[in-house]
Amino acid sequence: MLKEIKAENIYIVCGQTDMRKSIDGLAAIVEQKCRLDLFSESLFLFCGRRKDRLKALLWEGDGFLLMYKRLETGSFNWPKNADEVKKLTQEQFVWLMQGLSTDQPKAIKKISGRIDIC
């Protein structure tokens, strides 16, 4: 289900998050630590120390949606730098949900601009 979420922006809160935190605690992290707009159409992702559980926070206009995912085997490939917030593309988000790194070295990178063909 999480792979199907469509949000304007997807942010991963790097480092470890206390997974006992609920909506209010996670919202405080977004506002105070990350300094991001909590009420934008953004999905915020948090991961605990074991890296096998993930929480996602999303504002839906009339309230917050808190999602929780626990992997039965394996772990998420989660960035360790605790002072960083990383913006993901939809493609990177799907990779993360599949247990892959968000930085795929063999992925074809999209380019901006026009290429003239003679």
Protein backbone atom coordinates (compact mmCIF):
# COMPACT_ATOMS: atom_id res chain seq x y z
CA MET A 1 0.00 0.00 0.00
CA LEU A 2 2.75 2.47 0.86
CA LYS A 3 4.22 2.10 -2.64
CA GLU A 4 0.94 3.38 -4.08
CA ILE A 5 0.83 6.62 -2.06
CA LYS A 6 0.99 9.66 -4.30
CA ALA A 7 2.33 12.75 -2.59
CA GLU A 8 3.66 15.98 -4.07
CA ASN A 9 6.88 15.61 -2.06
CA ILE A 10 8.39 12.64 -0.26
CA TYR A 11 10.92 13.29 2.49
CA ILE A 12 13.00 10.74 4.33
CA VAL A 13 14.10 11.78 7.82
CA CYS A 14 17.54 10.19 7.95
CA GLY A 15 19.01 8.59 11.04
CA GLN A 16 17.11 6.81 13.80
CA THR A 17 13.69 7.86 15.06
CA ASP A 18 12.12 6.64 18.28
CA MET A 19 9.35 4.44 16.89
CA ARG A 20 7.26 4.95 20.04
CA LYS A 21 6.44 8.45 18.78
CA SER A 22 2.92 9.03 17.54
CA ILE A 23 1.52 11.69 15.22
CA ASP A 24 2.32 14.62 17.53
CA GLY A 25 5.90 13.49 18.18
CA LEU A 26 6.64 12.89 14.50
CA ALA A 27 4.99 16.21 13.57
CA ALA A 28 7.28 17.98 16.05
CA ILE A 29 10.33 16.42 14.37
CA VAL A 30 9.17 17.65 10.96
CA GLU A 31 8.53 21.19 12.17
CA GLN A 32 11.42 21.70 14.60
CA LYS A 33 14.25 19.54 13.32
CA CYS A 34 13.53 19.48 9.59
CA ARG A 35 11.90 22.92 9.34
CA LEU A 36 9.45 21.72 6.69
CA ASP A 37 5.78 22.56 6.16
CA LEU A 38 3.86 19.81 7.88
CA PHE A 39 0.59 20.71 6.14
CA SER A 40 1.87 20.52 2.57
CA GLU A 41 1.02 17.57 0.38
CA SER A 42 4.14 15.78 1.60
CA LEU A 43 4.84 12.30 2.90
CA PHE A 44 7.39 12.12 5.73
CA LEU A 45 9.17 8.82 6.39
CA PHE A 46 10.80 7.76 9.67
CA CYS A 47 12.73 4.61 10.55
CA GLY A 48 13.87 3.10 13.85
CA ARG A 49 17.17 1.66 15.02
CA ARG A 50 16.49 -1.88 13.74
CA LYS A 51 15.61 -0.57 10.26
CA ASP A 52 12.86 -3.16 9.87
CA ARG A 53 10.03 -0.76 10.76
CA LEU A 54 8.94 2.41 9.07
CA LYS A 55 6.39 5.09 9.94
CA ALA A 56 4.94 7.50 7.42
CA LEU A 57 3.09 10.73 8.18
CA LEU A 58 0.80 12.46 5.67
CA TRP A 59 -1.55 15.43 6.02
CA GLU A 60 -4.82 14.74 4.16
CA GLY A 61 -6.49 18.13 4.52
CA ASP A 62 -8.79 17.09 7.35
CA GLY A 63 -6.29 15.23 9.53
CA PHE A 64 -3.10 13.23 9.64
CA LEU A 65 -2.65 9.73 8.32
CA LEU A 66 -0.06 7.66 10.21
CA MET A 67 1.10 4.49 8.48
CA TYR A 68 3.30 1.77 9.92
CA LYS A 69 5.14 -0.94 8.02
CA ARG A 70 7.12 -3.80 9.56
CA LEU A 71 9.20 -6.09 7.39
CA GLU A 72 9.08 -9.79 8.25
CA THR A 73 12.56 -10.37 6.81
CA GLY A 74 15.32 -7.97 5.84
CA SER A 75 15.63 -4.28 6.54
CA PHE A 76 15.21 -0.92 4.86
CA ASN A 77 18.31 0.61 3.27
CA TRP A 78 18.11 3.72 5.47
CA PRO A 79 20.59 6.67 5.40
CA LYS A 80 22.45 7.06 8.70
CA ASN A 81 23.18 10.81 8.82
CA ALA A 82 20.83 11.95 11.60
CA ASP A 83 21.03 15.65 10.70
CA GLU A 84 19.77 15.21 7.16
CA VAL A 85 16.42 15.24 5.43
CA LYS A 86 16.43 13.81 1.94
CA LYS A 87 13.82 14.50 -0.73
CA LEU A 88 12.93 11.42 -2.78
CA THR A 89 11.43 10.97 -6.19
CA GLN A 90 8.48 8.58 -6.58
CA GLU A 91 10.88 6.08 -8.17
CA GLN A 92 13.34 6.28 -5.24
CA PHE A 93 10.43 5.82 -2.84
CA VAL A 94 9.39 2.59 -4.59
CA TRP A 95 13.02 1.38 -4.46
CA LEU A 96 13.15 2.08 -0.73
CA MET A 97 9.90 0.17 -0.14
CA GLN A 98 11.36 -2.77 -2.07
CA GLY A 99 14.43 -2.86 0.18
CA LEU A 100 16.76 -1.25 -2.34
CA SER A 101 19.03 1.77 -1.98
CA THR A 102 17.56 5.12 -2.99
CA ASP A 103 20.73 5.73 -5.01
CA GLN A 104 20.70 3.11 -7.75
CA PRO A 105 23.97 3.36 -9.70
CA LYS A 106 22.60 1.52 -12.76
CA ALA A 107 19.33 3.44 -13.01
CA ILE A 108 18.94 5.59 -16.07
CA LYS A 109 19.09 9.18 -14.94
CA LYS A 110 16.56 11.65 -16.32
CA ILE A 111 18.05 14.70 -17.96
CA SER A 112 16.57 18.12 -18.36
CA GLY A 113 16.79 20.12 -21.52
CA ARG A 114 16.50 19.31 -25.16
CA ILE A 115 18.82 17.25 -27.26
CA ASP A 116 19.12 18.22 -30.90
CA ILE A 117 19.27 15.30 -33.30
CA CYS A 118 20.84 16.02 -36.68
